[in-house]
Amino acid sequence: MTASDVLAELRESVLERGVPARPDQVLELLRLPDSRVEELLELAHRVRMRWCGPEVEVEGIVSLKTGGCPEDCHFCSQSGLFASPVRSAWLDIPMLVEAAKQTAKTGATEFCIVAAVRGPDERLMSQVAAGITAIKDEVDINIACSLGMLTASQVDALAAMGVHRYNHNLETARSYFPEVVTTHTWEERWDTLRMVRDAGMEVCCGGILGMGETLEQRAEFAGQLAELEPDEVPMNFLNPRPGTPFGELEPMDGAEALRTVAAFRLALPRTVLRFAGGREITLGDLGARRGLLGGINAVIVGNYLTTLGRPAEADLDLLDELSMPVKALNQTL
């Protein structure tokens, strides 16, 4: 099938009828030459506008517990198994509330509490419960959590606390996962996501692109996300961290990153597709604009967990320039 054929086919199936692109079609998109990327981005933008609308969801994240994680995710400087410079630290409740306040001031509707753990213990669950109560007393914002793998009782407890959305990334294709993590399985992550969905919380699940996976595995990953049907997919690009097993990998090429964003939009036409970590070094300032005109409809503003992001004002100014309204809180409840 030629590039023109696959794009024409997807205009009819995805744009006109909202049918997600199949993994084999995603693979064809990932193989498109650079000369066809702009055409692909235009199609992805039209799909986003038709099936999601012009609004952009803004989110801030904060690390409640940083570093000292017992898992060996090869991309992550928070693993206690690697010689990376990140050290274990906890955030107290007043600092958590202040972070939520600052996030809300940007117009964000979502504030995500993150912890570097395999899964939460009793201490962490207590801290999260206290933090959520304190935030709800002072800030009008949806609260999301990302606390690793959960038990059924922990899922129920978080739902009872009023957690709006739970993030747990599959990270990569099932076939490539053993090359990225060896201390737990892809299936364990999938089980947590299934329980989160069953408990009534929204599911946030994405991964990191550019970790050495093949194009076939990238297309496989898009298909597995489509099967999961998450409410949100954060798209991270590897930002190689010193001291980690992936610390010597090269960042993904910008054109390849944009091609991947657009391909994932066609695989997930109705999903919140969020720009997340690594976009700054992979795409730069120009990439933020092209991504928002190529399928992205959500951003994390400010810094990430252990790396710097774009200033919130830069993203908000760009949204205003592109006439893309920030999604209002009352439309996310």
Protein backbone atom coordinates (compact mmCIF):
# COMPACT_ATOMS: atom_id res chain seq x y z
CA MET A 1 0.00 0.00 0.00
CA THR A 2 1.35 3.44 -0.92
CA ALA A 3 1.48 6.40 1.45
CA SER A 4 -1.37 8.03 -0.45
CA ASP A 5 -3.44 4.85 -0.18
CA VAL A 6 -3.07 4.50 3.60
CA LEU A 7 -3.80 8.19 4.24
CA ALA A 8 -6.88 8.06 2.01
CA GLU A 9 -8.09 4.90 3.72
CA LEU A 10 -7.69 6.46 7.15
CA ARG A 11 -9.44 9.68 6.15
CA GLU A 12 -12.51 7.59 5.43
CA SER A 13 -12.34 5.20 8.39
CA VAL A 14 -10.94 7.36 11.22
CA LEU A 15 -11.88 10.91 10.27
CA GLU A 16 -15.30 10.21 8.78
CA ARG A 17 -16.41 7.24 10.90
CA GLY A 18 -14.25 7.39 14.04
CA VAL A 19 -12.94 3.84 13.60
CA PRO A 20 -9.49 3.54 15.27
CA ALA A 21 -6.54 2.75 13.02
CA ARG A 22 -5.44 -0.88 13.26
CA PRO A 23 -1.85 -1.75 14.30
CA ASP A 24 -0.96 -2.63 10.70
CA GLN A 25 -2.22 0.79 9.57
CA VAL A 26 -0.32 2.50 12.40
CA LEU A 27 2.83 0.74 11.21
CA GLU A 28 2.31 2.11 7.71
CA LEU A 29 2.01 5.61 9.18
CA LEU A 30 5.20 5.16 11.20
CA ARG A 31 6.97 4.24 7.96
CA LEU A 32 5.80 7.34 6.07
CA PRO A 33 8.66 9.40 4.62
CA ASP A 34 9.41 12.79 6.15
CA SER A 35 7.91 14.40 3.04
CA ARG A 36 4.46 13.11 4.07
CA VAL A 37 4.64 14.03 7.78
CA GLU A 38 2.86 17.38 7.34
CA GLU A 39 0.00 15.65 5.53
CA LEU A 40 -0.23 13.11 8.35
CA LEU A 41 -0.20 15.84 11.01
CA GLU A 42 -2.99 17.68 9.21
CA LEU A 43 -5.11 14.52 9.17
CA ALA A 44 -4.40 13.85 12.85
CA HIS A 45 -5.43 17.40 13.72
CA ARG A 46 -8.68 17.04 11.83
CA VAL A 47 -9.37 13.76 13.65
CA ARG A 48 -8.68 15.42 17.00
CA MET A 49 -10.95 18.37 16.20
CA ARG A 50 -13.78 16.17 14.94
CA TRP A 51 -13.80 13.57 17.72
CA CYS A 52 -12.40 15.55 20.69
CA GLY A 53 -13.02 19.20 19.88
CA PRO A 54 -10.71 22.22 20.23
CA GLU A 55 -10.33 22.22 24.02
CA VAL A 56 -7.02 21.33 25.66
CA GLU A 57 -6.84 19.71 29.09
CA VAL A 58 -4.10 21.14 31.31
CA GLU A 59 -2.53 19.17 34.16
CA GLY A 60 0.19 19.65 36.76
CA ILE A 61 2.04 16.85 38.55
CA VAL A 62 4.00 16.64 41.80
CA SER A 63 6.09 13.92 43.39
CA LEU A 64 4.94 13.02 46.91
CA LYS A 65 7.74 10.45 47.22
CA THR A 66 10.80 10.84 45.02
CA GLY A 67 13.57 8.29 44.44
CA GLY A 68 14.44 5.06 46.22
CA CYS A 69 12.13 2.91 44.09
CA PRO A 70 12.91 -0.86 44.24
CA GLU A 71 11.96 -1.45 40.58
CA ASP A 72 14.46 -1.49 37.69
CA CYS A 73 12.63 0.48 34.98
CA HIS A 74 15.64 1.11 32.74
CA PHE A 75 14.63 4.67 31.81
CA CYS A 76 14.04 5.93 35.34
CA SER A 77 16.46 7.86 37.53
CA GLN A 78 14.24 7.24 40.56
CA SER A 79 15.23 3.57 40.77
CA GLY A 80 17.26 2.81 43.87
CA LEU A 81 19.12 0.16 41.86
CA PHE A 82 20.94 2.61 39.57
CA ALA A 83 23.76 5.08 40.18
CA SER A 84 21.63 8.09 39.22
CA PRO A 85 21.78 11.37 41.18
CA VAL A 86 18.14 11.28 42.39
CA ARG A 87 17.83 10.57 46.11
CA SER A 88 14.80 9.53 48.16
CA ALA A 89 12.65 12.36 49.54
CA TRP A 90 9.08 12.95 50.78
CA LEU A 91 6.88 16.02 50.33
CA ASP A 92 4.86 17.18 53.34
CA ILE A 93 1.14 17.96 53.16
CA PRO A 94 1.41 21.79 53.20
CA MET A 95 3.84 21.62 50.27
CA LEU A 96 1.45 19.28 48.44
CA VAL A 97 -1.43 21.73 48.94
CA GLU A 98 0.70 24.63 47.75
CA ALA A 99 1.65 22.70 44.61
CA ALA A 100 -2.04 22.06 43.93
CA LYS A 101 -2.81 25.76 44.38
CA GLN A 102 -0.08 26.79 41.95
CA THR A 103 -1.31 24.20 39.44
CA ALA A 104 -4.88 25.48 39.69
CA LYS A 105 -3.69 29.05 39.02
CA THR A 106 -2.57 27.99 35.55
CA GLY A 107 -6.14 26.98 34.71
CA ALA A 108 -5.34 23.29 35.06
CA THR A 109 -8.24 20.95 35.83
CA GLU A 110 -6.11 18.00 36.90
CA PHE A 111 -3.49 17.64 39.66
CA CYS A 112 -1.64 14.33 39.83
CA ILE A 113 0.05 13.02 42.98
CA VAL A 114 2.91 10.70 42.01
CA ALA A 115 5.08 8.36 44.09
CA ALA A 116 8.15 6.37 43.06
CA VAL A 117 7.15 2.98 44.43
CA ARG A 118 6.33 -0.54 43.26
CA GLY A 119 2.98 -0.03 44.93
CA PRO A 120 1.74 1.95 47.94
CA ASP A 121 2.26 0.73 51.51
CA GLU A 122 0.11 1.76 54.47
CA ARG A 123 2.20 4.87 55.15
CA LEU A 124 1.89 6.12 51.59
CA MET A 125 -1.86 5.44 51.45
CA SER A 126 -2.28 7.45 54.65
CA GLN A 127 -0.22 10.32 53.23
CA VAL A 128 -2.26 10.32 50.05
CA ALA A 129 -5.54 10.29 51.98
CA ALA A 130 -4.39 13.22 54.14
CA GLY A 131 -3.14 15.09 51.09
CA ILE A 132 -6.37 14.63 49.15
CA THR A 133 -8.44 15.83 52.11
CA ALA A 134 -6.24 18.91 52.55
CA ILE A 135 -6.29 19.76 48.84
CA LYS A 136 -10.07 19.37 48.55
CA ASP A 137 -10.49 21.75 51.50
CA GLU A 138 -8.61 24.52 49.69
CA VAL A 139 -8.44 23.89 45.94
CA ASP A 140 -11.12 23.30 43.31
CA ILE A 141 -9.34 20.79 41.10
CA ASN A 142 -9.62 17.15 40.07
CA ILE A 143 -7.11 14.90 41.81
CA ALA A 144 -5.33 12.07 40.03
CA CYS A 145 -2.83 9.60 41.46
CA SER A 146 0.06 7.53 40.16
CA LEU A 147 1.22 5.16 42.88
CA GLY A 148 2.32 2.04 41.04
CA MET A 149 0.62 -1.33 41.10
CA LEU A 150 -2.42 -1.68 43.36
CA THR A 151 -4.33 -4.34 45.25
CA ALA A 152 -8.09 -4.52 44.93
CA SER A 153 -8.54 -2.99 48.40
CA GLN A 154 -6.22 -0.11 47.53
CA VAL A 155 -8.16 0.56 44.34
CA ASP A 156 -11.38 0.73 46.34
CA ALA A 157 -9.76 3.01 48.93
CA LEU A 158 -8.55 5.48 46.29
CA ALA A 159 -11.95 5.52 44.63
CA ALA A 160 -13.54 6.25 48.02
CA MET A 161 -11.09 9.14 48.53
CA GLY A 162 -12.47 10.74 45.38
CA VAL A 163 -9.51 10.11 43.06
CA HIS A 164 -10.74 11.18 39.64
CA ARG A 165 -8.16 9.46 37.44
CA TYR A 166 -5.42 6.91 38.03
CA ASN A 167 -2.21 6.83 36.02
CA HIS A 168 -0.29 3.63 35.49
CA ASN A 169 1.69 3.45 32.28
CA LEU A 170 2.19 0.23 30.35
CA GLU A 171 5.39 2.01 29.18
CA THR A 172 5.87 0.04 25.95
CA ALA A 173 4.62 -2.86 23.88
CA ARG A 174 4.05 -6.13 25.67
CA SER A 175 6.68 -7.84 23.48
CA TYR A 176 9.36 -5.26 24.40
CA PHE A 177 8.54 -4.82 28.09
CA PRO A 178 11.09 -7.41 29.35
CA GLU A 179 13.85 -5.27 27.77
CA VAL A 180 12.67 -2.28 29.82
CA VAL A 181 11.68 -3.77 33.20
CA THR A 182 12.59 -7.10 34.82
CA THR A 183 11.30 -6.69 38.39
CA HIS A 184 7.62 -6.95 37.43
CA THR A 185 5.57 -7.86 34.38
CA TRP A 186 3.50 -6.04 31.79
CA GLU A 187 0.55 -8.21 32.87
CA GLU A 188 0.78 -6.94 36.46
CA ARG A 189 0.40 -3.40 35.18
CA TRP A 190 -2.55 -4.43 32.98
CA ASP A 191 -4.28 -6.02 36.01
CA THR A 192 -4.05 -2.77 37.99
CA LEU A 193 -5.55 -0.81 35.09
CA ARG A 194 -8.42 -3.26 34.77
CA MET A 195 -9.24 -2.91 38.49
CA VAL A 196 -9.08 0.89 38.26
CA ARG A 197 -11.56 0.88 35.39
CA ASP A 198 -13.88 -1.53 37.24
CA ALA A 199 -13.84 0.76 40.31
CA GLY A 200 -15.16 3.69 38.28
CA MET A 201 -12.02 5.82 38.16
CA GLU A 202 -10.79 7.17 34.84
CA VAL A 203 -7.80 5.33 33.39
CA CYS A 204 -4.65 7.20 32.39
CA CYS A 205 -2.16 4.97 30.61
CA GLY A 206 0.63 5.69 28.15
CA GLY A 207 4.32 5.12 27.92
CA ILE A 208 7.70 6.27 26.72
CA LEU A 209 8.66 6.29 23.07
CA GLY A 210 12.22 6.00 21.82
CA MET A 211 13.54 3.36 24.23
CA GLY A 212 14.96 1.16 21.48
CA GLU A 213 11.68 -0.42 20.42
CA THR A 214 11.11 -1.25 16.74
CA LEU A 215 8.46 0.45 14.64
CA GLU A 216 6.53 -2.82 14.74
CA GLN A 217 6.58 -2.75 18.53
CA ARG A 218 5.53 0.90 18.55
CA ALA A 219 2.52 -0.02 16.39
CA GLU A 220 1.84 -2.99 18.67
CA PHE A 221 1.83 -0.64 21.66
CA ALA A 222 -0.68 1.69 19.98
CA GLY A 223 -2.96 -1.28 19.39
CA GLN A 224 -2.68 -2.46 22.99
CA LEU A 225 -3.57 1.01 24.26
CA ALA A 226 -6.55 1.10 21.90
CA GLU A 227 -7.67 -2.26 23.32
CA LEU A 228 -7.43 -0.87 26.86
CA GLU A 229 -9.49 2.23 25.87
CA PRO A 230 -7.93 4.59 28.43
CA ASP A 231 -9.45 8.00 29.05
CA GLU A 232 -6.00 9.58 28.74
CA VAL A 233 -2.73 8.58 27.08
CA PRO A 234 0.36 10.55 28.14
CA MET A 235 3.00 10.49 25.42
CA ASN A 236 6.51 10.64 26.85
CA PHE A 237 9.71 10.64 24.81
CA LEU A 238 12.86 9.20 26.32
CA ASN A 239 14.99 11.85 28.00
CA PRO A 240 18.10 9.74 28.72
CA ARG A 241 18.98 9.98 32.41
CA PRO A 242 22.58 9.65 33.62
CA GLY A 243 23.25 6.47 35.55
CA THR A 244 20.33 4.51 34.07
CA PRO A 245 20.65 1.60 31.62
CA PHE A 246 19.09 3.79 28.91
CA GLY A 247 21.23 6.80 29.77
CA GLU A 248 23.34 6.49 26.61
CA LEU A 249 20.47 6.23 24.12
CA GLU A 250 19.95 9.10 21.68
CA PRO A 251 16.73 11.15 21.96
CA MET A 252 14.18 10.45 19.24
CA ASP A 253 14.35 12.53 16.08
CA GLY A 254 11.79 15.33 15.99
CA ALA A 255 10.12 14.28 12.74
CA GLU A 256 9.86 10.72 14.02
CA ALA A 257 8.30 11.95 17.26
CA LEU A 258 5.67 14.00 15.41
CA ARG A 259 4.93 11.08 13.10
CA THR A 260 4.41 8.91 16.20
CA VAL A 261 2.10 11.45 17.85
CA ALA A 262 -0.07 11.63 14.74
CA ALA A 263 -0.14 7.84 14.32
CA PHE A 264 -1.25 7.38 17.94
CA ARG A 265 -4.00 9.98 17.44
CA LEU A 266 -5.38 7.94 14.56
CA ALA A 267 -5.23 4.79 16.71
CA LEU A 268 -6.98 6.64 19.58
CA PRO A 269 -9.35 9.14 17.92
CA ARG A 270 -11.45 9.93 21.02
CA THR A 271 -8.76 9.79 23.72
CA VAL A 272 -7.13 12.62 25.67
CA LEU A 273 -3.64 12.52 24.13
CA ARG A 274 -1.25 14.39 26.40
CA PHE A 275 2.20 15.85 25.73
CA ALA A 276 4.34 14.69 28.65
CA GLY A 277 8.01 14.19 29.51
CA GLY A 278 10.82 14.53 26.99
CA ARG A 279 8.99 16.69 24.46
CA GLU A 280 11.31 19.62 25.21
CA ILE A 281 14.52 17.87 24.10
CA THR A 282 12.83 15.86 21.34
CA LEU A 283 10.72 18.58 19.74
CA GLY A 284 11.72 21.94 21.20
CA ASP A 285 9.44 24.98 21.11
CA LEU A 286 8.42 24.45 17.49
CA GLY A 287 7.38 20.89 18.29
CA ALA A 288 4.90 22.07 20.89
CA ARG A 289 3.04 24.02 18.22
CA ARG A 290 3.24 21.27 15.62
CA GLY A 291 2.12 18.63 18.12
CA LEU A 292 -0.92 20.65 19.12
CA LEU A 293 -1.71 20.95 15.42
CA GLY A 294 -1.02 17.24 14.93
CA GLY A 295 -3.30 15.41 17.33
CA ILE A 296 -2.33 16.45 20.87
CA ASN A 297 -5.17 17.81 23.04
CA ALA A 298 -3.66 17.91 26.53
CA VAL A 299 -0.42 19.09 28.15
CA ILE A 300 1.43 18.78 31.42
CA VAL A 301 2.47 22.30 32.40
CA GLY A 302 5.56 23.13 34.39
CA ASN A 303 8.17 20.61 35.46
CA TYR A 304 8.01 16.82 35.53
CA LEU A 305 9.14 14.52 38.32
CA THR A 306 12.92 14.76 37.94
CA THR A 307 13.33 16.85 34.78
CA LEU A 308 12.45 20.39 33.74
CA GLY A 309 9.52 21.13 31.47
CA ARG A 310 8.35 24.22 29.62
CA PRO A 311 7.16 27.18 31.71
CA ALA A 312 3.39 26.99 32.16
CA GLU A 313 3.05 30.49 30.69
CA ALA A 314 4.69 29.38 27.44
CA ASP A 315 2.16 26.60 26.89
CA LEU A 316 -0.79 28.76 27.91
CA ASP A 317 0.32 31.59 25.61
CA LEU A 318 0.64 29.11 22.76
CA LEU A 319 -2.87 27.77 23.37
CA ASP A 320 -4.21 31.30 23.28
CA GLU A 321 -2.33 32.02 20.06
CA LEU A 322 -3.78 28.87 18.48
CA SER A 323 -7.30 29.75 19.74
CA MET A 324 -7.48 26.49 21.67
CA PRO A 325 -9.48 27.00 24.88
CA VAL A 326 -8.34 25.41 28.13
CA LYS A 327 -10.87 22.82 29.22
CA ALA A 328 -12.98 24.09 32.14
CA LEU A 329 -13.22 22.17 35.40
CA ASN A 330 -16.98 21.70 35.32
CA GLN A 331 -16.65 19.83 32.01
CA THR A 332 -14.31 17.20 33.48
CA LEU A 333 -16.55 16.09 36.36
